Protein backbone atom coordinates (compact mmCIF):
# COMPACT_ATOMS: atom_id res chain seq x y z
CA UNK A 1 0.10 0.01 -0.08
CA UNK A 2 2.83 2.28 0.70
CA UNK A 3 4.31 1.67 -2.64
CA UNK A 4 0.92 2.35 -4.26
CA UNK A 5 0.81 5.57 -2.43
CA UNK A 6 4.38 6.65 -3.53
CA UNK A 7 3.38 6.03 -7.09
CA UNK A 8 0.42 8.39 -7.08
CA UNK A 9 0.72 11.06 -9.78
CA UNK A 10 2.58 14.22 -8.82
CA UNK A 11 2.22 13.29 -5.12
CA UNK A 12 -0.85 15.63 -4.83
CA UNK A 13 -2.36 13.54 -1.98
CA UNK A 14 -0.64 12.79 1.30
CA UNK A 15 -1.55 9.07 1.46
CA UNK A 16 -1.56 7.91 5.29
CA UNK A 17 -1.88 4.10 5.55
CA UNK A 18 -2.57 2.26 8.78
CA UNK A 19 -3.12 -1.29 9.72
CA UNK A 20 -3.27 -3.55 12.80
CA UNK A 21 -0.89 -6.02 14.29
CA UNK A 22 -2.81 -9.02 13.28
CA UNK A 23 -6.14 -10.24 11.65
CA UNK A 24 -7.91 -10.64 15.05
CA UNK A 25 -7.59 -7.20 15.89
CA UNK A 26 -8.71 -5.93 12.19
CA UNK A 27 -11.72 -8.13 12.03
CA UNK A 28 -14.14 -6.23 14.45
CA UNK A 29 -13.01 -2.80 12.97
CA UNK A 30 -14.31 -3.95 9.42
CA UNK A 31 -17.21 -5.62 10.80
CA UNK A 32 -18.09 -2.30 12.38
CA UNK A 33 -18.06 -0.78 8.95
CA UNK A 34 -19.72 -3.59 7.31
CA UNK A 35 -16.84 -4.55 5.36
CA UNK A 36 -16.42 -8.33 4.06
CA UNK A 37 -13.07 -9.76 3.98
CA UNK A 38 -12.20 -13.20 2.39
CA UNK A 39 -9.64 -15.35 4.15
CA UNK A 40 -7.38 -17.61 2.25
CA UNK A 41 -7.15 -21.22 3.33
CA UNK A 42 -5.03 -24.35 2.18
CA UNK A 43 -6.39 -27.70 0.80
CA UNK A 44 -6.50 -28.96 4.59
CA UNK A 45 -8.53 -25.89 5.78
CA UNK A 46 -5.68 -24.26 7.59
CA UNK A 47 -5.64 -20.32 7.47
CA UNK A 48 -2.55 -19.33 5.49
CA UNK A 49 -2.61 -15.63 6.62
CA UNK A 50 -3.68 -14.05 3.11
CA UNK A 51 -6.65 -11.51 3.24
CA UNK A 52 -8.64 -10.60 0.14
CA UNK A 53 -10.39 -7.43 0.69
CA UNK A 54 -11.94 -4.49 -1.42
CA UNK A 55 -10.95 -1.25 0.30
CA UNK A 56 -13.81 1.37 0.69
CA UNK A 57 -13.46 5.00 1.75
CA UNK A 58 -16.13 6.61 3.92
CA UNK A 59 -16.88 10.40 3.92
CA UNK A 60 -18.25 10.81 7.54
CA UNK A 61 -19.49 14.50 8.68
CA UNK A 62 -19.23 16.02 12.00
CA UNK A 63 -22.34 14.59 13.35
CA UNK A 64 -20.93 11.10 12.27
CA UNK A 65 -23.31 10.36 9.58
CA UNK A 66 -21.81 8.52 6.62
CA UNK A 67 -22.31 11.01 3.52
CA UNK A 68 -20.74 8.82 0.84
CA UNK A 69 -18.89 5.52 0.30
CA UNK A 70 -16.33 5.18 -2.44
CA UNK A 71 -14.63 2.18 -3.91
CA UNK A 72 -11.11 2.22 -5.04
CA UNK A 73 -12.28 1.95 -8.52
CA UNK A 74 -14.31 5.19 -8.00
CA UNK A 75 -12.06 7.31 -6.01
CA UNK A 76 -11.58 10.34 -8.09
CA UNK A 77 -10.03 13.32 -6.35
CA UNK A 78 -12.66 15.76 -7.94
CA UNK A 79 -15.64 13.98 -6.60
CA UNK A 80 -14.33 13.59 -3.08
CA UNK A 81 -13.44 17.19 -2.92
CA UNK A 82 -16.93 18.28 -4.12
CA UNK A 83 -18.47 16.09 -1.84
CA UNK A 84 -16.46 17.57 0.95
CA UNK A 85 -17.50 21.04 0.00
CA UNK A 86 -21.06 19.99 0.41
CA UNK A 87 -20.29 19.60 4.02
CA UNK A 88 -19.64 23.42 4.00
CA UNK A 89 -22.69 24.37 1.80
CA UNK A 90 -24.86 26.64 4.22
CA UNK A 91 -27.90 25.25 2.09
CA UNK A 92 -27.36 21.65 3.34
CA UNK A 93 -27.54 19.94 6.49
CA UNK A 94 -26.82 16.28 7.18
CA UNK A 95 -26.99 15.81 3.35
CA UNK A 96 -30.35 17.26 2.87
CA UNK A 97 -31.47 20.79 1.38
CA UNK A 98 -32.71 23.39 3.91
CA UNK A 99 -36.00 25.22 3.02
CA UNK A 100 -35.42 28.73 1.66
CA UNK A 101 -37.30 31.59 3.40
CA UNK A 102 -37.72 34.29 0.69
CA UNK A 103 -38.80 32.53 -2.58
CA UNK A 104 -41.78 33.17 -4.76
CA UNK A 105 -42.59 29.44 -5.78
CA UNK A 106 -41.78 26.04 -5.34
CA UNK A 107 -39.55 25.90 -8.31
CA UNK A 108 -37.55 28.97 -7.32
CA UNK A 109 -36.91 27.39 -3.89
CA UNK A 110 -35.81 24.08 -5.38
CA UNK A 111 -33.37 26.27 -7.78
CA UNK A 112 -32.07 28.23 -4.86
CA UNK A 113 -31.42 25.21 -2.61
CA UNK A 114 -29.80 22.89 -5.09
CA UNK A 115 -26.16 22.66 -4.88
CA UNK A 116 -24.03 23.21 -8.04
CA UNK A 117 -21.69 20.59 -6.68
CA UNK A 118 -21.77 16.81 -7.13
CA UNK A 119 -25.25 15.64 -6.69
CA UNK A 120 -27.61 13.12 -8.07
CA UNK A 121 -29.12 13.66 -11.55
CA UNK A 122 -32.08 15.82 -12.31
CA UNK A 123 -34.08 17.14 -9.33
CA UNK A 124 -37.77 16.13 -9.85
CA UNK A 125 -39.01 18.41 -6.81
CA UNK A 126 -41.96 20.25 -8.34
CA UNK A 127 -42.35 18.03 -11.31
CA UNK A 128 -46.17 18.26 -11.26
CA UNK A 129 -46.16 22.35 -11.63
CA UNK A 130 -46.99 23.74 -14.80
CA UNK A 131 -43.80 26.01 -14.75
CA UNK A 132 -41.18 22.88 -14.15
CA UNK A 133 -38.10 22.81 -15.93
CA UNK A 134 -35.86 19.94 -16.36
CA UNK A 135 -32.19 20.40 -15.31
CA UNK A 136 -31.06 17.05 -17.17
CA UNK A 137 -28.40 16.94 -19.82
CA UNK A 138 -27.97 14.47 -22.59
CA UNK A 139 -25.06 12.37 -22.45
CA UNK A 140 -22.82 12.46 -25.53
CA UNK A 141 -19.77 10.10 -25.55
CA UNK A 142 -16.90 11.52 -27.77
CA UNK A 143 -13.33 10.01 -28.55
CA UNK A 144 -12.28 6.54 -29.56
CA UNK A 145 -12.16 3.18 -27.60
CA UNK A 146 -9.25 2.78 -25.25
CA UNK A 147 -6.28 0.44 -26.12
CA UNK A 148 -7.39 -2.10 -23.84
CA UNK A 149 -4.96 -4.82 -25.40
CA UNK A 150 -1.84 -2.64 -24.39
CA UNK A 151 -3.34 -1.98 -20.95
CA UNK A 152 -4.09 -5.50 -20.14
CA UNK A 153 -0.66 -6.77 -21.26
CA UNK A 154 1.35 -4.01 -19.45
CA UNK A 155 2.50 -4.42 -15.70
CA UNK A 156 0.76 -2.28 -13.62
CA UNK A 157 1.85 -1.08 -10.15
CA UNK A 158 0.34 -3.20 -7.42
CA UNK A 159 -0.73 -6.03 -9.70
CA UNK A 160 0.96 -9.19 -10.62
CA UNK A 161 2.78 -9.77 -14.05
CA UNK A 162 -0.37 -10.38 -16.65
CA UNK A 163 -0.19 -14.17 -17.15
CA UNK A 164 -2.97 -16.10 -18.77
CA UNK A 165 -3.38 -19.68 -18.95
CA UNK A 166 -2.58 -21.51 -22.24
CA UNK A 167 -5.10 -21.06 -24.70
CA UNK A 168 -6.73 -18.07 -23.07
CA UNK A 169 -4.22 -15.47 -24.11
CA UNK A 170 -5.48 -12.13 -25.04
CA UNK A 171 -5.74 -10.85 -28.63
CA UNK A 172 -7.22 -7.53 -30.03
CA UNK A 173 -10.09 -9.49 -31.77
CA UNK A 174 -11.09 -11.14 -28.38
CA UNK A 175 -11.07 -7.67 -26.74
CA UNK A 176 -13.17 -6.24 -29.57
CA UNK A 177 -15.78 -9.12 -29.37
CA UNK A 178 -15.80 -8.74 -25.44
CA UNK A 179 -16.49 -4.98 -25.66
CA UNK A 180 -19.33 -5.61 -28.13
CA UNK A 181 -20.92 -8.40 -25.86
CA UNK A 182 -20.39 -6.13 -22.62
CA UNK A 183 -22.35 -3.04 -24.19
CA UNK A 184 -25.07 -5.34 -25.99
CA UNK A 185 -28.62 -5.13 -24.31
CA UNK A 186 -29.63 -7.93 -26.53
CA UNK A 187 -28.04 -10.43 -24.29
CA UNK A 188 -30.87 -10.04 -21.95
CA UNK A 189 -34.31 -11.79 -22.20
CA UNK A 190 -35.93 -8.50 -22.97
CA UNK A 191 -33.35 -6.72 -25.03
CA UNK A 192 -32.99 -4.05 -22.28
CA UNK A 193 -30.02 -4.90 -20.09
CA UNK A 194 -26.53 -5.13 -20.79
CA UNK A 195 -23.44 -5.69 -18.48
CA UNK A 196 -22.48 -1.96 -18.70
CA UNK A 197 -26.05 -1.09 -17.31
CA UNK A 198 -24.90 -2.14 -13.84
CA UNK A 199 -21.11 -1.95 -14.30
CA UNK A 200 -20.84 1.64 -15.49
CA UNK A 201 -17.60 2.49 -17.27
CA UNK A 202 -17.93 6.06 -15.90
CA UNK A 203 -18.24 4.68 -12.39
CA UNK A 204 -15.21 2.49 -12.47
CA UNK A 205 -17.22 -0.34 -13.87
CA UNK A 206 -19.38 -0.41 -10.94
CA UNK A 207 -22.29 1.68 -9.77
CA UNK A 208 -21.67 4.53 -7.61
CA UNK A 209 -25.31 5.88 -7.39
CA UNK A 210 -27.42 2.79 -6.50
CA UNK A 211 -27.00 0.79 -3.30
CA UNK A 212 -28.30 -2.35 -5.29
CA UNK A 213 -28.52 -3.16 -8.72
CA UNK A 214 -31.53 -2.89 -10.99
CA UNK A 215 -32.36 -5.96 -13.50
CA UNK A 216 -34.70 -6.45 -16.28
CA UNK A 217 -38.13 -5.11 -15.72
CA UNK A 218 -36.96 -3.12 -12.79
CA UNK A 219 -36.59 -6.32 -10.68
CA UNK A 220 -34.48 -5.40 -7.59
CA UNK A 221 -30.93 -7.19 -7.09
CA UNK A 222 -30.07 -7.82 -3.44
CA UNK A 223 -26.38 -6.51 -3.85
CA UNK A 224 -24.51 -3.72 -5.09
CA UNK A 225 -22.68 -4.26 -8.47
CA UNK A 226 -18.99 -4.72 -7.75
CA UNK A 227 -16.36 -3.44 -10.05
CA UNK A 228 -15.14 -5.55 -12.78
CA UNK A 229 -11.75 -3.78 -13.34
CA UNK A 230 -9.06 -6.57 -13.42
CA UNK A 231 -11.44 -9.21 -12.70
CA UNK A 232 -9.23 -11.65 -14.85
CA UNK A 233 -6.78 -11.61 -11.75
CA UNK A 234 -9.36 -12.83 -9.29
CA UNK A 235 -9.71 -16.44 -7.93
CA UNK A 236 -13.05 -15.82 -6.43
CA UNK A 237 -16.06 -14.00 -7.82
CA UNK A 238 -19.39 -12.49 -6.49
CA UNK A 239 -19.72 -10.89 -3.01
CA UNK A 240 -20.20 -14.42 -1.42
CA UNK A 241 -17.16 -15.88 -3.39
CA UNK A 242 -19.37 -18.78 -4.79
CA UNK A 243 -17.67 -19.11 -8.03
CA UNK A 244 -13.69 -19.62 -8.55
CA UNK A 245 -13.39 -18.89 -12.57
CA UNK A 246 -14.31 -16.23 -14.65
CA UNK A 247 -15.87 -18.72 -17.22
CA UNK A 248 -18.39 -20.04 -14.52
CA UNK A 249 -19.23 -16.54 -13.29
CA UNK A 250 -20.27 -15.03 -16.38
CA UNK A 251 -23.34 -17.18 -16.43
CA UNK A 252 -24.63 -15.78 -12.97
CA UNK A 253 -26.03 -12.49 -14.22
CA UNK A 254 -27.07 -13.92 -17.73
CA UNK A 255 -29.29 -16.44 -16.22
CA UNK A 256 -30.51 -14.76 -13.02
CA UNK A 257 -34.26 -14.07 -13.11
CA UNK A 258 -33.87 -10.45 -11.51
CA UNK A 259 -30.73 -9.56 -13.66
CA UNK A 260 -30.75 -10.51 -17.61
CA UNK A 261 -33.12 -13.42 -17.06
CA UNK A 262 -32.24 -15.69 -19.77
CA UNK A 263 -34.06 -19.11 -19.27
CA UNK A 264 -31.19 -21.25 -20.38
CA UNK A 265 -27.47 -21.24 -21.77
CA UNK A 266 -28.89 -22.94 -25.00
CA UNK A 267 -31.49 -20.25 -25.51
CA UNK A 268 -28.97 -17.28 -25.16
CA UNK A 269 -26.51 -19.03 -27.55
CA UNK A 270 -29.25 -19.54 -30.16
CA UNK A 271 -30.08 -15.93 -29.78
CA UNK A 272 -26.77 -14.76 -30.31
CA UNK A 273 -26.29 -16.91 -33.26
CA UNK A 274 -29.48 -15.56 -35.03
CA UNK A 275 -27.97 -11.88 -34.54
CA UNK A 276 -26.41 -11.21 -38.00
CA UNK A 277 -23.67 -8.64 -36.89
CA UNK A 278 -22.08 -11.46 -34.75
CA UNK A 279 -21.39 -13.78 -37.79
CA UNK A 280 -17.82 -14.67 -37.89
CA UNK A 281 -16.89 -12.94 -34.80
CA UNK A 282 -16.38 -15.75 -32.64
CA UNK A 283 -14.47 -17.63 -35.33
CA UNK A 284 -12.16 -14.78 -35.84
CA UNK A 285 -11.67 -14.28 -32.15
CA UNK A 286 -11.13 -17.96 -31.27
CA UNK A 287 -11.06 -19.84 -34.47
CA UNK A 288 -14.16 -21.77 -33.65
CA UNK A 289 -17.64 -21.23 -33.31
CA UNK A 290 -19.85 -19.84 -30.50
CA UNK A 291 -20.83 -23.32 -29.13
CA UNK A 292 -17.06 -23.95 -27.98
CA UNK A 293 -16.33 -20.41 -26.84
CA UNK A 294 -19.18 -19.69 -24.59
């Protein structure tokens, strides 16, 4: 962790890392913040001293209220600074807007109270008033796709050397196909949900605005969407670590009735085969057809 802090760009943040002398002291602290840790055991069930933990950063106000929780994949300096500024905003108290005294209408009150700093999307207060005006903005993505192949095959600080089992090596064509599948809503039973709906690229491939994910037809998912950044290096998947390979994990959200809701693997494979713009892509990427690659 100290090495990670020393490698931060321009040393703009004075990172302070603290820990405890052993896991027994650390456990109740993490439990108090509702943080899950996964301990590593050998084949005989003996604890080998390794801990897998997703670090989260809490913003806590002077009244000891948790104002925001950040994962390391969505730990942007501008976001944290703006959130801290809301603690000093005279129009807010405990994260809520304070009613304005001298305003001529509900709409004026909303406009005067709404912070210009980081906040959820469009404020819907006064939505039924005839003079309501939306403050939402259209999202326009610009630019070109990131060079994921170079990123994935380059040594990164704090991560092991990129090593892939024989026959699973990355290629630009595999990455191109994976990107297409990741953003394709047609992979869900209702053609409405893609992987990127819950694992939002602009939010560190997680979801920073919803405590729990929302699946097809608005069905509630009981857990938060974790980041998928560097998932290829993981040895356990899902919050309860119930899968130990990426190939097995991928079927979970595709088949879950409250996520993408496909009735069976065969149904989804046949659906993809029937989509013309996937013709030949699996063969180009893997040298074999869809039935062998998924």
